[in-house]
């Protein structure tokens, strides 16, 4: 099943994306999809297939070794509330 995504960009971004896609012989959609796939591949943990239970277990084990802490739920709620108060930027006419 295919899905349609909407990406909000300004006019200059749109035009630069269009020109680059044309230089590469692609539609803007194909160009953006290729960039998205490339980003996913580049950020895939080395040698792990996250579609398998073993790969996912190994990945989560590695994540447990990371330093830092998960914010408390109250901190998440505050971030959500701040986001709601800010709202979305209004695009220029």
PDB file of N, CA and C in Angstrom:
ATOM      1  N   UNK A   1       0.842  -1.168   0.000  1.00  0.00           N
ATOM      2  CA  UNK A   1       0.000   0.000   0.000  1.00  0.00           C
ATOM      3  C   UNK A   1       0.895   1.242   0.000  1.00  0.00           C
ATOM      4  N   UNK A   2       0.556   2.202  -0.806  1.00  0.00           N
ATOM      5  CA  UNK A   2       1.317   3.450  -0.885  1.00  0.00           C
ATOM      6  C   UNK A   2       0.633   4.516  -0.030  1.00  0.00           C
ATOM      7  N   UNK A   3       1.427   5.388   0.530  1.00  0.00           N
ATOM      8  CA  UNK A   3       0.921   6.488   1.338  1.00  0.00           C
ATOM      9  C   UNK A   3       1.452   7.791   0.765  1.00  0.00           C
ATOM     10  N   UNK A   4       0.697   8.845   0.925  1.00  0.00           N
ATOM     11  CA  UNK A   4       1.116  10.161   0.482  1.00  0.00           C
ATOM     12  C   UNK A   4       1.546  10.951   1.710  1.00  0.00           C
ATOM     13  N   UNK A   5       2.730  11.565   1.638  1.00  0.00           N
ATOM     14  CA  UNK A   5       3.230  12.411   2.713  1.00  0.00           C
ATOM     15  C   UNK A   5       3.234  13.852   2.230  1.00  0.00           C
ATOM     16  N   UNK A   6       2.967  14.756   3.124  1.00  0.00           N
ATOM     17  CA  UNK A   6       3.044  16.165   2.799  1.00  0.00           C
ATOM     18  C   UNK A   6       4.237  16.750   3.533  1.00  0.00           C
ATOM     19  N   UNK A   7       5.113  17.401   2.785  1.00  0.00           N
ATOM     20  CA  UNK A   7       6.297  18.022   3.362  1.00  0.00           C
ATOM     21  C   UNK A   7       6.180  19.517   3.130  1.00  0.00           C
ATOM     22  N   UNK A   8       6.227  20.286   4.193  1.00  0.00           N
ATOM     23  CA  UNK A   8       6.089  21.732   4.091  1.00  0.00           C
ATOM     24  C   UNK A   8       7.471  22.339   3.895  1.00  0.00           C
ATOM     25  N   UNK A   9       7.655  23.051   2.790  1.00  0.00           N
ATOM     26  CA  UNK A   9       8.911  23.726   2.480  1.00  0.00           C
ATOM     27  C   UNK A   9       8.580  25.111   1.950  1.00  0.00           C
ATOM     28  N   UNK A  10       9.551  26.014   2.039  1.00  0.00           N
ATOM     29  CA  UNK A  10       9.304  27.336   1.460  1.00  0.00           C
ATOM     30  C   UNK A  10       9.619  27.286  -0.036  1.00  0.00           C
ATOM     31  N   UNK A  11       9.344  28.359  -0.730  1.00  0.00           N
ATOM     32  CA  UNK A  11       9.510  28.394  -2.176  1.00  0.00           C
ATOM     33  C   UNK A  11      10.935  28.156  -2.635  1.00  0.00           C
ATOM     34  N   UNK A  12      11.896  28.722  -1.927  1.00  0.00           N
ATOM     35  CA  UNK A  12      13.302  28.534  -2.298  1.00  0.00           C
ATOM     36  C   UNK A  12      13.727  27.076  -2.134  1.00  0.00           C
ATOM     37  N   UNK A  13      13.297  26.460  -1.026  1.00  0.00           N
ATOM     38  CA  UNK A  13      13.622  25.049  -0.812  1.00  0.00           C
ATOM     39  C   UNK A  13      13.005  24.190  -1.914  1.00  0.00           C
ATOM     40  N   UNK A  14      11.748  24.459  -2.206  1.00  0.00           N
ATOM     41  CA  UNK A  14      11.048  23.692  -3.240  1.00  0.00           C
ATOM     42  C   UNK A  14      11.802  23.768  -4.556  1.00  0.00           C
ATOM     43  N   UNK A  15      12.198  24.958  -4.928  1.00  0.00           N
ATOM     44  CA  UNK A  15      12.887  25.148  -6.199  1.00  0.00           C
ATOM     45  C   UNK A  15      14.258  24.470  -6.204  1.00  0.00           C
ATOM     46  N   UNK A  16      14.999  24.575  -5.111  1.00  0.00           N
ATOM     47  CA  UNK A  16      16.320  23.920  -5.071  1.00  0.00           C
ATOM     48  C   UNK A  16      16.167  22.403  -5.087  1.00  0.00           C
ATOM     49  N   UNK A  17      15.148  21.862  -4.419  1.00  0.00           N
ATOM     50  CA  UNK A  17      14.890  20.420  -4.455  1.00  0.00           C
ATOM     51  C   UNK A  17      14.542  19.992  -5.882  1.00  0.00           C
ATOM     52  N   UNK A  18      13.692  20.773  -6.541  1.00  0.00           N
ATOM     53  CA  UNK A  18      13.259  20.448  -7.900  1.00  0.00           C
ATOM     54  C   UNK A  18      14.445  20.436  -8.860  1.00  0.00           C
ATOM     55  N   UNK A  19      15.300  21.471  -8.758  1.00  0.00           N
ATOM     56  CA  UNK A  19      16.466  21.557  -9.644  1.00  0.00           C
ATOM     57  C   UNK A  19      17.417  20.375  -9.423  1.00  0.00           C
ATOM     58  N   UNK A  20      17.681  20.052  -8.162  1.00  0.00           N
ATOM     59  CA  UNK A  20      18.594  18.942  -7.865  1.00  0.00           C
ATOM     60  C   UNK A  20      18.011  17.622  -8.355  1.00  0.00           C
ATOM     61  N   UNK A  21      16.739  17.394  -8.122  1.00  0.00           N
ATOM     62  CA  UNK A  21      16.102  16.162  -8.588  1.00  0.00           C
ATOM     63  C   UNK A  21      16.197  16.063 -10.102  1.00  0.00           C
ATOM     64  N   UNK A  22      15.972  17.171 -10.794  1.00  0.00           N
ATOM     65  CA  UNK A  22      16.045  17.184 -12.261  1.00  0.00           C
ATOM     66  C   UNK A  22      17.461  16.857 -12.724  1.00  0.00           C
ATOM     67  N   UNK A  23      18.478  17.430 -12.055  1.00  0.00           N
ATOM     68  CA  UNK A  23      19.876  17.133 -12.414  1.00  0.00           C
ATOM     69  C   UNK A  23      20.168  15.643 -12.289  1.00  0.00           C
ATOM     70  N   UNK A  24      19.528  14.999 -11.331  1.00  0.00           N
ATOM     71  CA  UNK A  24      19.762  13.573 -11.101  1.00  0.00           C
ATOM     72  C   UNK A  24      18.791  12.694 -11.886  1.00  0.00           C
ATOM     73  N   UNK A  25      17.940  13.336 -12.705  1.00  0.00           N
ATOM     74  CA  UNK A  25      17.007  12.575 -13.537  1.00  0.00           C
ATOM     75  C   UNK A  25      15.869  11.947 -12.767  1.00  0.00           C
ATOM     76  N   UNK A  26      15.483  12.576 -11.656  1.00  0.00           N
ATOM     77  CA  UNK A  26      14.427  12.034 -10.795  1.00  0.00           C
ATOM     78  C   UNK A  26      13.311  13.042 -10.605  1.00  0.00           C
ATOM     79  N   UNK A  27      12.144  12.538 -10.239  1.00  0.00           N
ATOM     80  CA  UNK A  27      11.084  13.430  -9.775  1.00  0.00           C
ATOM     81  C   UNK A  27      11.450  13.874  -8.355  1.00  0.00           C
ATOM     82  N   UNK A  28      10.820  14.913  -7.873  1.00  0.00           N
ATOM     83  CA  UNK A  28      11.093  15.357  -6.505  1.00  0.00           C
ATOM     84  C   UNK A  28      10.720  14.251  -5.517  1.00  0.00           C
ATOM     85  N   UNK A  29       9.608  13.562  -5.763  1.00  0.00           N
ATOM     86  CA  UNK A  29       9.200  12.466  -4.873  1.00  0.00           C
ATOM     87  C   UNK A  29      10.244  11.366  -4.825  1.00  0.00           C
ATOM     88  N   UNK A  30      10.728  10.949  -6.005  1.00  0.00           N
ATOM     89  CA  UNK A  30      11.738   9.882  -6.050  1.00  0.00           C
ATOM     90  C   UNK A  30      13.026  10.336  -5.379  1.00  0.00           C
ATOM     91  N   UNK A  31      13.388  11.598  -5.584  1.00  0.00           N
ATOM     92  CA  UNK A  31      14.608  12.141  -4.981  1.00  0.00           C
ATOM     93  C   UNK A  31      14.506  12.141  -3.454  1.00  0.00           C
ATOM     94  N   UNK A  32      13.364  12.595  -2.926  1.00  0.00           N
ATOM     95  CA  UNK A  32      13.164  12.612  -1.475  1.00  0.00           C
ATOM     96  C   UNK A  32      13.127  11.194  -0.905  1.00  0.00           C
ATOM     97  N   UNK A  33      12.472  10.262  -1.625  1.00  0.00           N
ATOM     98  CA  UNK A  33      12.443   8.873  -1.154  1.00  0.00           C
ATOM     99  C   UNK A  33      13.854   8.309  -1.075  1.00  0.00           C
ATOM    100  N   UNK A  34      14.677   8.573  -2.110  1.00  0.00           N
ATOM    101  CA  UNK A  34      16.044   8.077  -2.120  1.00  0.00           C
ATOM    102  C   UNK A  34      16.831   8.634  -0.939  1.00  0.00           C
ATOM    103  N   UNK A  35      16.666   9.939  -0.659  1.00  0.00           N
ATOM    104  CA  UNK A  35      17.348  10.532   0.490  1.00  0.00           C
ATOM    105  C   UNK A  35      16.877   9.904   1.796  1.00  0.00           C
ATOM    106  N   UNK A  36      15.585   9.647   1.899  1.00  0.00           N
ATOM    107  CA  UNK A  36      15.051   9.014   3.105  1.00  0.00           C
ATOM    108  C   UNK A  36      15.604   7.619   3.304  1.00  0.00           C
ATOM    109  N   UNK A  37      15.640   6.827   2.230  1.00  0.00           N
ATOM    110  CA  UNK A  37      16.198   5.470   2.323  1.00  0.00           C
ATOM    111  C   UNK A  37      17.670   5.518   2.718  1.00  0.00           C
ATOM    112  N   UNK A  38      18.392   6.457   2.129  1.00  0.00           N
ATOM    113  CA  UNK A  38      19.823   6.581   2.438  1.00  0.00           C
ATOM    114  C   UNK A  38      20.018   6.917   3.921  1.00  0.00           C
ATOM    115  N   UNK A  39      19.198   7.829   4.455  1.00  0.00           N
ATOM    116  CA  UNK A  39      19.320   8.208   5.870  1.00  0.00           C
ATOM    117  C   UNK A  39      19.037   7.020   6.773  1.00  0.00           C
ATOM    118  N   UNK A  40      18.032   6.227   6.426  1.00  0.00           N
ATOM    119  CA  UNK A  40      17.706   5.047   7.227  1.00  0.00           C
ATOM    120  C   UNK A  40      18.863   4.055   7.201  1.00  0.00           C
ATOM    121  N   UNK A  41      19.407   3.800   6.014  1.00  0.00           N
ATOM    122  CA  UNK A  41      20.520   2.857   5.888  1.00  0.00           C
ATOM    123  C   UNK A  41      21.740   3.328   6.665  1.00  0.00           C
ATOM    124  N   UNK A  42      22.036   4.620   6.593  1.00  0.00           N
ATOM    125  CA  UNK A  42      23.213   5.154   7.275  1.00  0.00           C
ATOM    126  C   UNK A  42      23.078   5.103   8.790  1.00  0.00           C
ATOM    127  N   UNK A  43      21.843   5.109   9.279  1.00  0.00           N
ATOM    128  CA  UNK A  43      21.629   5.110  10.721  1.00  0.00           C
ATOM    129  C   UNK A  43      21.262   3.737  11.262  1.00  0.00           C
ATOM    130  N   UNK A  44      21.260   2.729  10.392  1.00  0.00           N
ATOM    131  CA  UNK A  44      20.974   1.359  10.819  1.00  0.00           C
ATOM    132  C   UNK A  44      22.149   0.857  11.648  1.00  0.00           C
ATOM    133  N   UNK A  45      21.915   0.338  12.828  1.00  0.00           N
ATOM    134  CA  UNK A  45      23.019  -0.202  13.622  1.00  0.00           C
ATOM    135  C   UNK A  45      23.779  -1.273  12.832  1.00  0.00           C
ATOM    136  N   UNK A  46      25.098  -1.210  12.878  1.00  0.00           N
ATOM    137  CA  UNK A  46      25.950  -2.116  12.114  1.00  0.00           C
ATOM    138  C   UNK A  46      25.617  -3.586  12.368  1.00  0.00           C
ATOM    139  N   UNK A  47      25.375  -4.291  11.284  1.00  0.00           N
ATOM    140  CA  UNK A  47      25.219  -5.739  11.356  1.00  0.00           C
ATOM    141  C   UNK A  47      23.960  -6.228  12.040  1.00  0.00           C
ATOM    142  N   UNK A  48      22.999  -5.358  12.313  1.00  0.00           N
ATOM    143  CA  UNK A  48      21.790  -5.792  13.004  1.00  0.00           C
ATOM    144  C   UNK A  48      20.588  -5.717  12.074  1.00  0.00           C
ATOM    145  N   UNK A  49      19.770  -6.736  12.120  1.00  0.00           N
ATOM    146  CA  UNK A  49      18.511  -6.736  11.394  1.00  0.00           C
ATOM    147  C   UNK A  49      17.416  -6.555  12.438  1.00  0.00           C
ATOM    148  N   UNK A  50      16.887  -5.334  12.513  1.00  0.00           N
ATOM    149  CA  UNK A  50      15.898  -5.029  13.549  1.00  0.00           C
ATOM    150  C   UNK A  50      14.542  -5.665  13.271  1.00  0.00           C
ATOM    151  N   UNK A  51      14.429  -6.383  12.166  1.00  0.00           N
ATOM    152  CA  UNK A  51      13.176  -7.087  11.874  1.00  0.00           C
ATOM    153  C   UNK A  51      13.139  -8.454  12.542  1.00  0.00           C
ATOM    154  N   UNK A  52      14.246  -8.872  13.150  1.00  0.00           N
ATOM    155  CA  UNK A  52      14.279 -10.170  13.829  1.00  0.00           C
ATOM    156  C   UNK A  52      14.336  -9.957  15.343  1.00  0.00           C
ATOM    157  N   UNK A  53      13.865 -10.934  16.073  1.00  0.00           N
ATOM    158  CA  UNK A  53      13.897 -10.849  17.537  1.00  0.00           C
ATOM    159  C   UNK A  53      15.338 -10.758  18.034  1.00  0.00           C
ATOM    160  N   UNK A  54      16.230 -11.511  17.399  1.00  0.00           N
ATOM    161  CA  UNK A  54      17.635 -11.507  17.830  1.00  0.00           C
ATOM    162  C   UNK A  54      18.275 -10.140  17.596  1.00  0.00           C
ATOM    163  N   UNK A  55      18.035  -9.574  16.424  1.00  0.00           N
ATOM    164  CA  UNK A  55      18.601  -8.265  16.109  1.00  0.00           C
ATOM    165  C   UNK A  55      18.075  -7.188  17.030  1.00  0.00           C
ATOM    166  N   UNK A  56      16.774  -7.234  17.295  1.00  0.00           N
ATOM    167  CA  UNK A  56      16.164  -6.249  18.185  1.00  0.00           C
ATOM    168  C   UNK A  56      16.690  -6.397  19.607  1.00  0.00           C
ATOM    169  N   UNK A  57      16.836  -7.626  20.057  1.00  0.00           N
ATOM    170  CA  UNK A  57      17.369  -7.873  21.403  1.00  0.00           C
ATOM    171  C   UNK A  57      18.797  -7.337  21.529  1.00  0.00           C
ATOM    172  N   UNK A  58      19.617  -7.577  20.512  1.00  0.00           N
ATOM    173  CA  UNK A  58      20.997  -7.082  20.517  1.00  0.00           C
ATOM    174  C   UNK A  58      21.017  -5.555  20.540  1.00  0.00           C
ATOM    175  N   UNK A  59      20.158  -4.946  19.713  1.00  0.00           N
ATOM    176  CA  UNK A  59      20.088  -3.488  19.656  1.00  0.00           C
ATOM    177  C   UNK A  59      19.699  -2.909  21.018  1.00  0.00           C
ATOM    178  N   UNK A  60      18.676  -3.464  21.640  1.00  0.00           N
ATOM    179  CA  UNK A  60      18.233  -2.962  22.939  1.00  0.00           C
ATOM    180  C   UNK A  60      19.308  -3.166  23.994  1.00  0.00           C
ATOM    181  N   UNK A  61      20.050  -4.274  23.898  1.00  0.00           N
ATOM    182  CA  UNK A  61      21.163  -4.493  24.820  1.00  0.00           C
ATOM    183  C   UNK A  61      22.224  -3.420  24.674  1.00  0.00           C
ATOM    184  N   UNK A  62      22.519  -3.055  23.429  1.00  0.00           N
ATOM    185  CA  UNK A  62      23.496  -1.986  23.186  1.00  0.00           C
ATOM    186  C   UNK A  62      22.983  -0.646  23.712  1.00  0.00           C
ATOM    187  N   UNK A  63      21.699  -0.402  23.560  1.00  0.00           N
ATOM    188  CA  UNK A  63      21.128   0.862  24.017  1.00  0.00           C
ATOM    189  C   UNK A  63      21.198   0.963  25.531  1.00  0.00           C
ATOM    190  N   UNK A  64      21.106  -0.166  26.221  1.00  0.00           N
ATOM    191  CA  UNK A  64      21.206  -0.162  27.666  1.00  0.00           C
ATOM    192  C   UNK A  64      22.580   0.257  28.163  1.00  0.00           C
ATOM    193  N   UNK A  65      23.569   0.162  27.276  1.00  0.00           N
ATOM    194  CA  UNK A  65      24.933   0.553  27.634  1.00  0.00           C
ATOM    195  C   UNK A  65      25.162   2.050  27.481  1.00  0.00           C
ATOM    196  N   UNK A  66      24.214   2.757  26.866  1.00  0.00           N
ATOM    197  CA  UNK A  66      24.365   4.196  26.631  1.00  0.00           C
ATOM    198  C   UNK A  66      24.243   4.951  27.949  1.00  0.00           C
ATOM    199  N   UNK A  67      24.982   6.042  28.051  1.00  0.00           N
ATOM    200  CA  UNK A  67      24.907   6.898  29.237  1.00  0.00           C
ATOM    201  C   UNK A  67      23.732   7.858  29.088  1.00  0.00           C
ATOM    202  N   UNK A  68      23.301   8.411  30.183  1.00  0.00           N
ATOM    203  CA  UNK A  68      22.190   9.357  30.160  1.00  0.00           C
ATOM    204  C   UNK A  68      20.992   8.781  30.888  1.00  0.00           C
ATOM    205  N   UNK A  69      19.918   9.523  30.851  1.00  0.00           N
ATOM    206  CA  UNK A  69      18.727   9.034  31.529  1.00  0.00           C
ATOM    207  C   UNK A  69      17.495   9.387  30.710  1.00  0.00           C
ATOM    208  N   UNK A  70      16.482   8.584  30.870  1.00  0.00           N
ATOM    209  CA  UNK A  70      15.199   8.841  30.236  1.00  0.00           C
ATOM    210  C   UNK A  70      14.461   9.861  31.102  1.00  0.00           C
ATOM    211  N   UNK A  71      13.914  10.922  30.502  1.00  0.00           N
ATOM    212  CA  UNK A  71      13.186  11.908  31.302  1.00  0.00           C
ATOM    213  C   UNK A  71      11.989  11.286  32.012  1.00  0.00           C
ATOM    214  N   UNK A  72      11.650  11.842  33.172  1.00  0.00           N
ATOM    215  CA  UNK A  72      10.450  11.413  33.882  1.00  0.00           C
ATOM    216  C   UNK A  72       9.223  11.795  33.061  1.00  0.00           C
ATOM    217  N   UNK A  73       8.110  11.108  33.309  1.00  0.00           N
ATOM    218  CA  UNK A  73       6.883  11.371  32.565  1.00  0.00           C
ATOM    219  C   UNK A  73       6.468  12.838  32.709  1.00  0.00           C
ATOM    220  N   UNK A  74       6.676  13.412  33.867  1.00  0.00           N
ATOM    221  CA  UNK A  74       6.299  14.810  34.072  1.00  0.00           C
ATOM    222  C   UNK A  74       7.057  15.732  33.111  1.00  0.00           C
ATOM    223  N   UNK A  75       8.320  15.419  32.852  1.00  0.00           N
ATOM    224  CA  UNK A  75       9.106  16.214  31.903  1.00  0.00           C
ATOM    225  C   UNK A  75       8.556  16.075  30.484  1.00  0.00           C
ATOM    226  N   UNK A  76       8.125  14.879  30.133  1.00  0.00           N
ATOM    227  CA  UNK A  76       7.496  14.675  28.828  1.00  0.00           C
ATOM    228  C   UNK A  76       6.208  15.504  28.729  1.00  0.00           C
ATOM    229  N   UNK A  77       5.404  15.458  29.790  1.00  0.00           N
ATOM    230  CA  UNK A  77       4.147  16.213  29.787  1.00  0.00           C
ATOM    231  C   UNK A  77       4.393  17.712  29.646  1.00  0.00           C
ATOM    232  N   UNK A  78       5.427  18.221  30.322  1.00  0.00           N
ATOM    233  CA  UNK A  78       5.761  19.647  30.208  1.00  0.00           C
ATOM    234  C   UNK A  78       6.170  20.002  28.780  1.00  0.00           C
ATOM    235  N   UNK A  79       6.945  19.136  28.153  1.00  0.00           N
ATOM    236  CA  UNK A  79       7.368  19.382  26.769  1.00  0.00           C
ATOM    237  C   UNK A  79       6.161  19.377  25.831  1.00  0.00           C
ATOM    238  N   UNK A  80       5.222  18.463  26.053  1.00  0.00           N
ATOM    239  CA  UNK A  80       4.009  18.405  25.244  1.00  0.00           C
ATOM    240  C   UNK A  80       3.189  19.680  25.441  1.00  0.00           C
ATOM    241  N   UNK A  81       3.036  20.106  26.684  1.00  0.00           N
ATOM    242  CA  UNK A  81       2.264  21.323  26.971  1.00  0.00           C
ATOM    243  C   UNK A  81       2.906  22.548  26.320  1.00  0.00           C
ATOM    244  N   UNK A  82       4.237  22.665  26.415  1.00  0.00           N
ATOM    245  CA  UNK A  82       4.936  23.791  25.768  1.00  0.00           C
ATOM    246  C   UNK A  82       4.706  23.782  24.269  1.00  0.00           C
ATOM    247  N   UNK A  83       4.756  22.605  23.675  1.00  0.00           N
ATOM    248  CA  UNK A  83       4.554  22.477  22.234  1.00  0.00           C
ATOM    249  C   UNK A  83       3.155  22.919  21.844  1.00  0.00           C
ATOM    250  N   UNK A  84       2.167  22.535  22.644  1.00  0.00           N
ATOM    251  CA  UNK A  84       0.785  22.940  22.347  1.00  0.00           C
ATOM    252  C   UNK A  84       0.607  24.445  22.456  1.00  0.00           C
ATOM    253  N   UNK A  85       1.280  25.058  23.421  1.00  0.00           N
ATOM    254  CA  UNK A  85       1.162  26.508  23.594  1.00  0.00           C
ATOM    255  C   UNK A  85       1.815  27.256  22.438  1.00  0.00           C
ATOM    256  N   UNK A  86       2.927  26.730  21.924  1.00  0.00           N
ATOM    257  CA  UNK A  86       3.613  27.390  20.816  1.00  0.00           C
ATOM    258  C   UNK A  86       2.819  27.273  19.530  1.00  0.00           C
ATOM    259  N   UNK A  87       2.183  26.149  19.301  1.00  0.00           N
ATOM    260  CA  UNK A  87       1.439  25.944  18.081  1.00  0.00           C
ATOM    261  C   UNK A  87       2.360  25.806  16.877  1.00  0.00           C
ATOM    262  N   UNK A  88       1.752  25.706  15.732  1.00  0.00           N
ATOM    263  CA  UNK A  88       2.509  25.577  14.504  1.00  0.00           C
ATOM    264  C   UNK A  88       2.743  26.946  13.900  1.00  0.00           C
ATOM    265  N   UNK A  89       3.879  27.141  13.228  1.00  0.00           N
ATOM    266  CA  UNK A  89       4.113  28.422  12.579  1.00  0.00           C
ATOM    267  C   UNK A  89       3.111  28.623  11.444  1.00  0.00           C
ATOM    268  N   UNK A  90       2.699  29.837  11.240  1.00  0.00           N
ATOM    269  CA  UNK A  90       1.757  30.149  10.168  1.00  0.00           C
ATOM    270  C   UNK A  90       2.583  30.470   8.914  1.00  0.00           C
ATOM    271  N   UNK A  91       2.331  29.733   7.826  1.00  0.00           N
ATOM    272  CA  UNK A  91       3.109  29.988   6.612  1.00  0.00           C
ATOM    273  C   UNK A  91       2.766  31.371   6.042  1.00  0.00           C
ATOM    274  N   UNK A  92       3.749  32.013   5.415  1.00  0.00           N
ATOM    275  CA  UNK A  92       3.471  33.321   4.827  1.00  0.00           C
ATOM    276  C   UNK A  92       2.496  33.181   3.667  1.00  0.00           C
ATOM    277  N   UNK A  93       1.706  34.241   3.420  1.00  0.00           N
ATOM    278  CA  UNK A  93       0.704  34.168   2.326  1.00  0.00           C
ATOM    279  C   UNK A  93       1.340  34.095   0.967  1.00  0.00           C
TER     280      UNK A  93
END
